[in-house]
PDB file of N, CA and C in Angstrom:
ATOM      1  N   MET A   1     161.196 116.156 116.707  1.00  0.00           N
ATOM      2  CA  MET A   1     161.509 114.704 116.718  1.00  0.00           C
ATOM      3  C   MET A   1     163.120 114.566 116.949  1.00  0.00           C
ATOM      4  N   ASP A   2     163.605 113.708 117.841  1.00  0.00           N
ATOM      5  CA  ASP A   2     164.675 113.147 118.187  1.00  0.00           C
ATOM      6  C   ASP A   2     165.416 112.355 116.992  1.00  0.00           C
ATOM      7  N   ALA A   3     164.733 111.451 116.375  1.00  0.00           N
ATOM      8  CA  ALA A   3     165.059 110.372 115.620  1.00  0.00           C
ATOM      9  C   ALA A   3     164.181 110.110 114.595  1.00  0.00           C
ATOM     10  N   VAL A   4     164.457 109.334 113.417  1.00  0.00           N
ATOM     11  CA  VAL A   4     163.519 109.206 112.338  1.00  0.00           C
ATOM     12  C   VAL A   4     164.206 108.022 111.836  1.00  0.00           C
ATOM     13  N   LEU A   5     163.546 106.675 111.475  1.00  0.00           N
ATOM     14  CA  LEU A   5     164.056 105.505 111.133  1.00  0.00           C
ATOM     15  C   LEU A   5     163.000 104.945 109.928  1.00  0.00           C
ATOM     16  N   PRO A   6     163.138 105.483 108.714  1.00  0.00           N
ATOM     17  CA  PRO A   6     162.413 104.715 107.701  1.00  0.00           C
ATOM     18  C   PRO A   6     162.938 103.491 107.262  1.00  0.00           C
ATOM     19  N   HIS A   7     162.501 102.174 106.949  1.00  0.00           N
ATOM     20  CA  HIS A   7     163.137 101.390 106.407  1.00  0.00           C
ATOM     21  C   HIS A   7     162.015 100.611 105.233  1.00  0.00           C
ATOM     22  N   GLY A   8     162.867 100.446 104.393  1.00  0.00           N
ATOM     23  CA  GLY A   8     162.214  99.516 102.835  1.00  0.00           C
ATOM     24  C   GLY A   8     161.340 100.588 102.145  1.00  0.00           C
ATOM     25  N   VAL A   9     161.757 101.912 102.601  1.00  0.00           N
ATOM     26  CA  VAL A   9     160.899 103.232 101.839  1.00  0.00           C
ATOM     27  C   VAL A   9     161.808 103.896 100.598  1.00  0.00           C
ATOM     28  N   PHE A  10     162.909 104.289 100.960  1.00  0.00           N
ATOM     29  CA  PHE A  10     163.744 104.897 100.335  1.00  0.00           C
ATOM     30  C   PHE A  10     164.288 104.172  98.889  1.00  0.00           C
ATOM     31  N   VAL A  11     164.152 102.972  99.203  1.00  0.00           N
ATOM     32  CA  VAL A  11     164.808 102.208  97.820  1.00  0.00           C
ATOM     33  C   VAL A  11     163.624 102.065  96.839  1.00  0.00           C
ATOM     34  N   HIS A  12     162.609 102.491  96.939  1.00  0.00           N
ATOM     35  CA  HIS A  12     161.650 102.482  95.991  1.00  0.00           C
ATOM     36  C   HIS A  12     161.116 103.886  95.708  1.00  0.00           C
ATOM     37  N   LEU A  13     161.789 105.026  96.266  1.00  0.00           N
ATOM     38  CA  LEU A  13     161.298 106.407  95.802  1.00  0.00           C
ATOM     39  C   LEU A  13     161.994 106.693  94.615  1.00  0.00           C
ATOM     40  N   GLN A  14     161.450 107.827  93.960  1.00  0.00           N
ATOM     41  CA  GLN A  14     162.111 108.569  93.028  1.00  0.00           C
ATOM     42  C   GLN A  14     163.003 109.384  93.586  1.00  0.00           C
ATOM     43  N   ASP A  15     163.910 109.754  92.847  1.00  0.00           N
ATOM     44  CA  ASP A  15     164.980 110.877  93.381  1.00  0.00           C
ATOM     45  C   ASP A  15     164.469 112.157  93.876  1.00  0.00           C
ATOM     46  N   TRP A  16     163.320 112.793  93.248  1.00  0.00           N
ATOM     47  CA  TRP A  16     162.944 113.938  93.830  1.00  0.00           C
ATOM     48  C   TRP A  16     162.297 113.887  94.920  1.00  0.00           C
ATOM     49  N   ASP A  17     161.443 112.553  95.102  1.00  0.00           N
ATOM     50  CA  ASP A  17     160.883 112.229  96.536  1.00  0.00           C
ATOM     51  C   ASP A  17     161.845 111.804  97.539  1.00  0.00           C
ATOM     52  N   ILE A  18     162.666 111.234  97.135  1.00  0.00           N
ATOM     53  CA  ILE A  18     164.049 111.229  98.362  1.00  0.00           C
ATOM     54  C   ILE A  18     164.429 112.433  98.726  1.00  0.00           C
ATOM     55  N   PHE A  19     164.649 113.355  98.139  1.00  0.00           N
ATOM     56  CA  PHE A  19     165.320 114.625  98.047  1.00  0.00           C
ATOM     57  C   PHE A  19     164.021 115.524  99.111  1.00  0.00           C
ATOM     58  N   ASN A  20     162.823 115.282  98.731  1.00  0.00           N
ATOM     59  CA  ASN A  20     161.571 115.713  99.343  1.00  0.00           C
ATOM     60  C   ASN A  20     161.679 115.254 100.857  1.00  0.00           C
ATOM     61  N   TYR A  21     161.654 114.036 100.725  1.00  0.00           N
ATOM     62  CA  TYR A  21     161.784 113.426 102.439  1.00  0.00           C
ATOM     63  C   TYR A  21     162.601 113.860 102.981  1.00  0.00           C
ATOM     64  N   LEU A  22     163.892 113.843 102.473  1.00  0.00           N
ATOM     65  CA  LEU A  22     165.068 114.390 103.436  1.00  0.00           C
ATOM     66  C   LEU A  22     164.979 115.918 104.029  1.00  0.00           C
ATOM     67  N   VAL A  23     164.404 116.645 102.982  1.00  0.00           N
ATOM     68  CA  VAL A  23     163.897 118.168 103.187  1.00  0.00           C
ATOM     69  C   VAL A  23     162.976 118.305 104.690  1.00  0.00           C
ATOM     70  N   GLU A  24     162.150 117.094 104.384  1.00  0.00           N
ATOM     71  CA  GLU A  24     161.124 117.058 105.710  1.00  0.00           C
ATOM     72  C   GLU A  24     161.649 116.297 106.905  1.00  0.00           C
ATOM     73  N   ILE A  25     162.709 115.626 106.648  1.00  0.00           N
ATOM     74  CA  ILE A  25     163.320 115.031 108.003  1.00  0.00           C
ATOM     75  C   ILE A  25     164.048 116.095 108.512  1.00  0.00           C
ATOM     76  N   GLU A  26     164.945 116.926 107.552  1.00  0.00           N
ATOM     77  CA  GLU A  26     165.402 117.881 108.247  1.00  0.00           C
ATOM     78  C   GLU A  26     164.545 118.994 109.004  1.00  0.00           C
ATOM     79  N   ARG A  27     163.400 119.176 108.229  1.00  0.00           N
ATOM     80  CA  ARG A  27     162.394 120.353 109.218  1.00  0.00           C
ATOM     81  C   ARG A  27     161.968 119.533 110.637  1.00  0.00           C
ATOM     82  N   VAL A  28     161.830 118.419 110.704  1.00  0.00           N
ATOM     83  CA  VAL A  28     161.060 117.694 111.979  1.00  0.00           C
ATOM     84  C   VAL A  28     162.004 117.405 112.755  1.00  0.00           C
ATOM     85  N   LEU A  29     163.211 117.003 112.452  1.00  0.00           N
ATOM     86  CA  LEU A  29     164.390 116.820 113.224  1.00  0.00           C
ATOM     87  C   LEU A  29     164.970 118.256 114.460  1.00  0.00           C
ATOM     88  N   VAL A  30     164.794 117.675 115.711  1.00  0.00           N
ATOM     89  CA  VAL A  30     165.678 118.822 116.554  1.00  0.00           C
ATOM     90  C   VAL A  30     167.121 118.921 116.186  1.00  0.00           C
ATOM     91  N   ALA A  31     167.798 120.052 116.619  1.00  0.00           N
ATOM     92  CA  ALA A  31     169.092 120.087 116.154  1.00  0.00           C
ATOM     93  C   ALA A  31     169.779 119.255 116.910  1.00  0.00           C
ATOM     94  N   GLY A  32     170.650 118.514 115.902  1.00  0.00           N
ATOM     95  CA  GLY A  32     171.473 117.125 116.567  1.00  0.00           C
ATOM     96  C   GLY A  32     170.596 115.956 116.407  1.00  0.00           C
ATOM     97  N   GLY A  33     169.435 115.885 115.974  1.00  0.00           N
ATOM     98  CA  GLY A  33     168.673 114.722 115.803  1.00  0.00           C
ATOM     99  C   GLY A  33     169.105 113.975 114.741  1.00  0.00           C
ATOM    100  N   LYS A  34     168.783 112.534 114.699  1.00  0.00           N
ATOM    101  CA  LYS A  34     169.469 111.566 113.907  1.00  0.00           C
ATOM    102  C   LYS A  34     168.268 110.960 113.029  1.00  0.00           C
ATOM    103  N   ALA A  35     168.507 110.392 111.850  1.00  0.00           N
ATOM    104  CA  ALA A  35     167.779 109.414 111.219  1.00  0.00           C
ATOM    105  C   ALA A  35     169.033 108.560 110.473  1.00  0.00           C
ATOM    106  N   VAL A  36     168.313 107.197 110.633  1.00  0.00           N
ATOM    107  CA  VAL A  36     169.055 106.043 110.052  1.00  0.00           C
ATOM    108  C   VAL A  36     168.144 105.679 108.968  1.00  0.00           C
ATOM    109  N   ILE A  37     168.675 105.777 107.767  1.00  0.00           N
ATOM    110  CA  ILE A  37     167.924 105.586 106.514  1.00  0.00           C
ATOM    111  C   ILE A  37     168.445 104.341 105.756  1.00  0.00           C
ATOM    112  N   GLN A  38     167.729 103.423 105.161  1.00  0.00           N
ATOM    113  CA  GLN A  38     168.363 102.362 104.412  1.00  0.00           C
ATOM    114  C   GLN A  38     167.930 103.095 102.877  1.00  0.00           C
ATOM    115  N   HIS A  39     168.926 103.053 102.011  1.00  0.00           N
ATOM    116  CA  HIS A  39     168.817 103.240 100.565  1.00  0.00           C
ATOM    117  C   HIS A  39     169.491 102.411  99.430  1.00  0.00           C
ATOM    118  N   ALA A  40     168.924 102.538  98.353  1.00  0.00           N
ATOM    119  CA  ALA A  40     169.621 101.434  97.425  1.00  0.00           C
ATOM    120  C   ALA A  40     171.058 101.917  97.483  1.00  0.00           C
ATOM    121  N   ASN A  41     171.753 101.008  96.774  1.00  0.00           N
ATOM    122  CA  ASN A  41     173.332 100.940  96.556  1.00  0.00           C
ATOM    123  C   ASN A  41     173.372 100.306  95.159  1.00  0.00           C
ATOM    124  N   THR A  42     172.822 100.828  93.946  1.00  0.00           N
ATOM    125  CA  THR A  42     172.901 100.483  92.999  1.00  0.00           C
ATOM    126  C   THR A  42     174.495  99.897  92.139  1.00  0.00           C
ATOM    127  N   PHE A  43     175.550 100.324  92.690  1.00  0.00           N
ATOM    128  CA  PHE A  43     176.785  99.927  92.501  1.00  0.00           C
ATOM    129  C   PHE A  43     177.495  98.762  93.139  1.00  0.00           C
ATOM    130  N   SER A  44     176.600  98.099  94.203  1.00  0.00           N
ATOM    131  CA  SER A  44     176.997  97.130  94.936  1.00  0.00           C
ATOM    132  C   SER A  44     176.900  95.807  93.904  1.00  0.00           C
ATOM    133  N   THR A  45     177.446  94.726  94.345  1.00  0.00           N
ATOM    134  CA  THR A  45     177.460  93.659  93.582  1.00  0.00           C
ATOM    135  C   THR A  45     175.689  93.354  93.136  1.00  0.00           C
ATOM    136  N   LEU A  46     175.233  92.970  94.348  1.00  0.00           N
ATOM    137  CA  LEU A  46     173.596  92.643  94.248  1.00  0.00           C
ATOM    138  C   LEU A  46     173.017  93.803  93.824  1.00  0.00           C
ATOM    139  N   GLY A  47     173.220  94.960  94.095  1.00  0.00           N
ATOM    140  CA  GLY A  47     172.399  96.089  93.642  1.00  0.00           C
ATOM    141  C   GLY A  47     172.694  96.259  91.999  1.00  0.00           C
ATOM    142  N   TRP A  48     173.824  96.031  91.485  1.00  0.00           N
ATOM    143  CA  TRP A  48     173.863  95.969  89.890  1.00  0.00           C
ATOM    144  C   TRP A  48     173.074  94.834  89.214  1.00  0.00           C
ATOM    145  N   GLN A  49     173.169  93.561  89.902  1.00  0.00           N
ATOM    146  CA  GLN A  49     172.602  92.603  89.324  1.00  0.00           C
ATOM    147  C   GLN A  49     170.969  92.810  89.490  1.00  0.00           C
ATOM    148  N   LEU A  50     170.576  93.191  90.290  1.00  0.00           N
ATOM    149  CA  LEU A  50     169.093  93.679  90.349  1.00  0.00           C
ATOM    150  C   LEU A  50     168.689  94.974  89.337  1.00  0.00           C
ATOM    151  N   PHE A  51     169.643  95.830  88.968  1.00  0.00           N
ATOM    152  CA  PHE A  51     169.601  97.081  88.093  1.00  0.00           C
ATOM    153  C   PHE A  51     169.229  95.929  86.679  1.00  0.00           C
ATOM    154  N   LEU A  52     170.227  95.309  86.609  1.00  0.00           N
ATOM    155  CA  LEU A  52     170.310  94.319  85.021  1.00  0.00           C
ATOM    156  C   LEU A  52     168.896  93.701  85.010  1.00  0.00           C
ATOM    157  N   GLU A  53     168.373  92.954  86.030  1.00  0.00           N
ATOM    158  CA  GLU A  53     167.170  92.191  86.090  1.00  0.00           C
ATOM    159  C   GLU A  53     166.288  93.136  85.562  1.00  0.00           C
ATOM    160  N   GLN A  54     166.013  94.383  86.292  1.00  0.00           N
ATOM    161  CA  GLN A  54     164.692  95.136  86.225  1.00  0.00           C
ATOM    162  C   GLN A  54     164.846  95.963  84.936  1.00  0.00           C
ATOM    163  N   LEU A  55     166.171  95.929  84.260  1.00  0.00           N
ATOM    164  CA  LEU A  55     166.223  96.738  83.160  1.00  0.00           C
ATOM    165  C   LEU A  55     165.425  96.614  82.039  1.00  0.00           C
ATOM    166  N   PRO A  56     164.903  95.577  81.454  1.00  0.00           N
ATOM    167  CA  PRO A  56     163.975  95.228  80.391  1.00  0.00           C
ATOM    168  C   PRO A  56     162.623  95.559  80.747  1.00  0.00           C
ATOM    169  N   ASP A  57     162.191  95.882  81.694  1.00  0.00           N
ATOM    170  CA  ASP A  57     161.084  96.254  82.103  1.00  0.00           C
ATOM    171  C   ASP A  57     160.765  97.758  82.304  1.00  0.00           C
ATOM    172  N   GLN A  58     162.016  98.412  82.624  1.00  0.00           N
ATOM    173  CA  GLN A  58     162.086  99.806  82.893  1.00  0.00           C
ATOM    174  C   GLN A  58     162.512 100.728  81.877  1.00  0.00           C
ATOM    175  N   VAL A  59     163.126 100.014  80.872  1.00  0.00           N
ATOM    176  CA  VAL A  59     163.493 100.963  79.526  1.00  0.00           C
ATOM    177  C   VAL A  59     162.348 101.549  78.757  1.00  0.00           C
ATOM    178  N   GLY A  60     162.178 102.757  78.615  1.00  0.00           N
ATOM    179  CA  GLY A  60     160.913 103.255  77.718  1.00  0.00           C
ATOM    180  C   GLY A  60     159.818 103.505  78.836  1.00  0.00           C
ATOM    181  N   HIS A  61     159.853 103.202  79.952  1.00  0.00           N
ATOM    182  CA  HIS A  61     158.732 103.414  81.001  1.00  0.00           C
ATOM    183  C   HIS A  61     158.956 103.922  82.209  1.00  0.00           C
ATOM    184  N   HIS A  62     157.851 104.634  82.656  1.00  0.00           N
ATOM    185  CA  HIS A  62     157.854 105.352  83.980  1.00  0.00           C
ATOM    186  C   HIS A  62     158.498 104.384  85.002  1.00  0.00           C
ATOM    187  N   LYS A  63     158.892 104.686  86.017  1.00  0.00           N
ATOM    188  CA  LYS A  63     159.438 103.572  86.903  1.00  0.00           C
ATOM    189  C   LYS A  63     158.013 102.791  87.608  1.00  0.00           C
ATOM    190  N   TYR A  64     158.411 101.176  87.468  1.00  0.00           N
ATOM    191  CA  TYR A  64     157.300 100.370  87.839  1.00  0.00           C
ATOM    192  C   TYR A  64     157.246 100.489  89.404  1.00  0.00           C
ATOM    193  N   PRO A  65     155.912 100.514  90.145  1.00  0.00           N
ATOM    194  CA  PRO A  65     155.885 100.323  91.480  1.00  0.00           C
ATOM    195  C   PRO A  65     156.599  98.934  91.895  1.00  0.00           C
ATOM    196  N   GLY A  66     157.504  99.047  93.208  1.00  0.00           N
ATOM    197  CA  GLY A  66     158.210  98.199  93.644  1.00  0.00           C
ATOM    198  C   GLY A  66     159.672  97.850  93.046  1.00  0.00           C
ATOM    199  N   SER A  67     159.992  98.521  91.914  1.00  0.00           N
ATOM    200  CA  SER A  67     161.206  98.380  91.463  1.00  0.00           C
ATOM    201  C   SER A  67     162.244  99.294  92.241  1.00  0.00           C
ATOM    202  N   PHE A  68     163.373  99.299  92.380  1.00  0.00           N
ATOM    203  CA  PHE A  68     164.379  99.753  93.007  1.00  0.00           C
ATOM    204  C   PHE A  68     165.058 101.104  92.320  1.00  0.00           C
ATOM    205  N   THR A  69     165.257 102.270  93.233  1.00  0.00           N
ATOM    206  CA  THR A  69     165.689 103.387  92.653  1.00  0.00           C
ATOM    207  C   THR A  69     167.190 103.180  92.307  1.00  0.00           C
ATOM    208  N   VAL A  70     167.593 103.776  91.300  1.00  0.00           N
ATOM    209  CA  VAL A  70     169.155 104.020  91.233  1.00  0.00           C
ATOM    210  C   VAL A  70     169.605 105.187  92.232  1.00  0.00           C
ATOM    211  N   MET A  71     170.421 104.628  92.960  1.00  0.00           N
ATOM    212  CA  MET A  71     170.919 105.458  94.182  1.00  0.00           C
ATOM    213  C   MET A  71     172.290 104.851  94.476  1.00  0.00           C
ATOM    214  N   THR A  72     173.477 106.111  94.848  1.00  0.00           N
ATOM    215  CA  THR A  72     174.620 105.409  95.539  1.00  0.00           C
ATOM    216  C   THR A  72     174.862 106.235  96.613  1.00  0.00           C
ATOM    217  N   PRO A  73     175.665 105.553  97.528  1.00  0.00           N
ATOM    218  CA  PRO A  73     176.049 106.165  98.812  1.00  0.00           C
ATOM    219  C   PRO A  73     176.584 107.774  98.615  1.00  0.00           C
ATOM    220  N   GLU A  74     176.983 107.898  97.557  1.00  0.00           N
ATOM    221  CA  GLU A  74     177.651 109.292  97.158  1.00  0.00           C
ATOM    222  C   GLU A  74     176.701 110.238  96.712  1.00  0.00           C
ATOM    223  N   LEU A  75     175.802 109.867  96.009  1.00  0.00           N
ATOM    224  CA  LEU A  75     174.416 110.527  95.601  1.00  0.00           C
ATOM    225  C   LEU A  75     173.668 111.066  96.808  1.00  0.00           C
ATOM    226  N   PHE A  76     173.420 109.853  97.728  1.00  0.00           N
ATOM    227  CA  PHE A  76     172.539 109.974  98.671  1.00  0.00           C
ATOM    228  C   PHE A  76     173.186 111.253  99.527  1.00  0.00           C
ATOM    229  N   ALA A  77     174.347 111.203  99.832  1.00  0.00           N
ATOM    230  CA  ALA A  77     175.240 112.151 100.728  1.00  0.00           C
ATOM    231  C   ALA A  77     174.928 113.492 100.120  1.00  0.00           C
ATOM    232  N   GLU A  78     175.189 113.548  98.780  1.00  0.00           N
ATOM    233  CA  GLU A  78     175.022 115.131  98.355  1.00  0.00           C
ATOM    234  C   GLU A  78     173.610 115.335  98.559  1.00  0.00           C
ATOM    235  N   PHE A  79     172.582 114.422  98.219  1.00  0.00           N
ATOM    236  CA  PHE A  79     171.089 115.004  98.564  1.00  0.00           C
ATOM    237  C   PHE A  79     171.060 115.431  99.886  1.00  0.00           C
ATOM    238  N   CYS A  80     171.465 114.993 101.058  1.00  0.00           N
ATOM    239  CA  CYS A  80     171.681 115.109 102.371  1.00  0.00           C
ATOM    240  C   CYS A  80     172.379 116.617 102.444  1.00  0.00           C
ATOM    241  N   THR A  81     173.243 116.606 101.901  1.00  0.00           N
ATOM    242  CA  THR A  81     173.801 118.029 101.993  1.00  0.00           C
ATOM    243  C   THR A  81     173.087 119.021 101.709  1.00  0.00           C
ATOM    244  N   ARG A  82     172.393 118.739 100.334  1.00  0.00           N
ATOM    245  CA  ARG A  82     171.563 120.061  99.779  1.00  0.00           C
ATOM    246  C   ARG A  82     170.380 120.042 100.656  1.00  0.00           C
ATOM    247  N   ALA A  83     170.020 119.064 101.583  1.00  0.00           N
ATOM    248  CA  ALA A  83     169.046 119.093 102.565  1.00  0.00           C
ATOM    249  C   ALA A  83     169.103 119.744 103.784  1.00  0.00           C
ATOM    250  N   SER A  84     170.687 120.230 104.024  1.00  0.00           N
ATOM    251  CA  SER A  84     170.959 120.639 105.086  1.00  0.00           C
ATOM    252  C   SER A  84     170.998 119.742 106.299  1.00  0.00           C
ATOM    253  N   LEU A  85     171.563 118.231 106.184  1.00  0.00           N
ATOM    254  CA  LEU A  85     171.818 117.374 106.790  1.00  0.00           C
ATOM    255  C   LEU A  85     173.289 116.809 106.519  1.00  0.00           C
ATOM    256  N   ASP A  86     173.820 116.360 107.584  1.00  0.00           N
ATOM    257  CA  ASP A  86     174.982 115.567 107.859  1.00  0.00           C
ATOM    258  C   ASP A  86     174.846 114.247 107.545  1.00  0.00           C
ATOM    259  N   VAL A  87     175.771 113.648 106.747  1.00  0.00           N
ATOM    260  CA  VAL A  87     175.861 111.884 106.909  1.00  0.00           C
ATOM    261  C   VAL A  87     177.097 111.544 107.798  1.00  0.00           C
ATOM    262  N   VAL A  88     176.465 111.096 108.749  1.00  0.00           N
ATOM    263  CA  VAL A  88     177.648 110.918 109.903  1.00  0.00           C
ATOM    264  C   VAL A  88     178.350 109.453 109.519  1.00  0.00           C
ATOM    265  N   ASP A  89     177.810 108.654 109.118  1.00  0.00           N
ATOM    266  CA  ASP A  89     178.413 107.155 108.744  1.00  0.00           C
ATOM    267  C   ASP A  89     177.269 106.497 107.486  1.00  0.00           C
ATOM    268  N   CYS A  90     178.067 105.737 106.811  1.00  0.00           N
ATOM    269  CA  CYS A  90     177.133 104.872 105.769  1.00  0.00           C
ATOM    270  C   CYS A  90     177.918 103.853 105.739  1.00  0.00           C
ATOM    271  N   VAL A  91     177.198 102.512 105.948  1.00  0.00           N
ATOM    272  CA  VAL A  91     177.391 101.212 105.764  1.00  0.00           C
ATOM    273  C   VAL A  91     177.033 100.490 104.806  1.00  0.00           C
ATOM    274  N   THR A  92     177.681  99.789 104.088  1.00  0.00           N
ATOM    275  CA  THR A  92     177.352  98.928 102.849  1.00  0.00           C
ATOM    276  C   THR A  92     177.292  97.483 102.919  1.00  0.00           C
ATOM    277  N   ASP A  93     178.025  97.018 104.177  1.00  0.00           N
ATOM    278  CA  ASP A  93     178.051  95.682 104.295  1.00  0.00           C
ATOM    279  C   ASP A  93     176.988  94.874 105.282  1.00  0.00           C
ATOM    280  N   VAL A  94     175.885  95.476 105.684  1.00  0.00           N
ATOM    281  CA  VAL A  94     174.665  94.861 106.519  1.00  0.00           C
ATOM    282  C   VAL A  94     173.933  94.510 105.564  1.00  0.00           C
ATOM    283  N   VAL A  95     173.144  95.109 104.455  1.00  0.00           N
ATOM    284  CA  VAL A  95     172.142  94.895 103.498  1.00  0.00           C
ATOM    285  C   VAL A  95     173.215  95.014 102.210  1.00  0.00           C
ATOM    286  N   LYS A  96     173.597  93.547 101.669  1.00  0.00           N
ATOM    287  CA  LYS A  96     174.490  93.667 100.549  1.00  0.00           C
ATOM    288  C   LYS A  96     173.883  94.306  99.270  1.00  0.00           C
ATOM    289  N   ARG A  97     172.772  94.676  99.081  1.00  0.00           N
ATOM    290  CA  ARG A  97     172.223  95.371  98.051  1.00  0.00           C
ATOM    291  C   ARG A  97     172.094  96.822  98.237  1.00  0.00           C
ATOM    292  N   ASP A  98     172.100  97.209  99.690  1.00  0.00           N
ATOM    293  CA  ASP A  98     171.595  98.542  99.816  1.00  0.00           C
ATOM    294  C   ASP A  98     172.844  99.201 100.806  1.00  0.00           C
ATOM    295  N   ALA A  99     172.530 100.356 101.062  1.00  0.00           N
ATOM    296  CA  ALA A  99     173.290 101.114 101.880  1.00  0.00           C
ATOM    297  C   ALA A  99     172.391 101.720 103.287  1.00  0.00           C
ATOM    298  N   ILE A 100     173.003 101.932 104.335  1.00  0.00           N
ATOM    299  CA  ILE A 100     172.258 102.390 105.540  1.00  0.00           C
ATOM    300  C   ILE A 100     173.231 103.584 105.906  1.00  0.00           C
ATOM    301  N   SER A 101     172.574 104.779 106.099  1.00  0.00           N
ATOM    302  CA  SER A 101     173.267 106.103 106.180  1.00  0.00           C
ATOM    303  C   SER A 101     172.770 106.647 107.594  1.00  0.00           C
ATOM    304  N   LEU A 102     173.590 106.798 108.415  1.00  0.00           N
ATOM    305  CA  LEU A 102     173.246 107.566 109.740  1.00  0.00           C
ATOM    306  C   LEU A 102     173.449 108.927 109.477  1.00  0.00           C
ATOM    307  N   VAL A 103     172.241 109.948 109.393  1.00  0.00           N
ATOM    308  CA  VAL A 103     172.225 111.327 109.106  1.00  0.00           C
ATOM    309  C   VAL A 103     171.872 112.062 110.297  1.00  0.00           C
ATOM    310  N   GLN A 104     172.525 113.354 110.461  1.00  0.00           N
ATOM    311  CA  GLN A 104     172.196 114.150 111.721  1.00  0.00           C
ATOM    312  C   GLN A 104     171.791 115.528 111.149  1.00  0.00           C
ATOM    313  N   LYS A 105     170.803 116.051 111.757  1.00  0.00           N
ATOM    314  CA  LYS A 105     170.733 117.625 111.389  1.00  0.00           C
ATOM    315  C   LYS A 105     171.689 118.284 112.174  1.00  0.00           C
ATOM    316  N   HIS A 106     172.039 119.418 111.513  1.00  0.00           N
ATOM    317  CA  HIS A 106     172.919 120.473 112.020  1.00  0.00           C
ATOM    318  C   HIS A 106     172.757 120.913 113.195  1.00  0.00           C
ATOM    319  N   THR A 107     173.529 120.866 114.247  1.00  0.00           N
ATOM    320  CA  THR A 107     173.458 121.486 115.748  1.00  0.00           C
ATOM    321  C   THR A 107     173.542 123.049 115.743  1.00  0.00           C
TER     322      THR A 107
END
């Protein structure tokens, strides 16, 4: 594949699933292929507000369906690196609660 564009998925996945999907994206992309991935940005203003709102229902339980994953651009970039993908760019001002990363498979 030349490109992958998941939207509204990674914000709900557990960390292990995020990494597993990144490994799969790396597998299916051609050399130089790109992915644009929206993911949570917990430490943004709205991300932190959502984290605090979901806190009472999450403590002491497994992650509830529909709740947001704790994620940061830095952690996402490290997951990408370990999945043999490069983060070309990451923007945090388009979706105020999330981040959008442009990822590329090594050439």
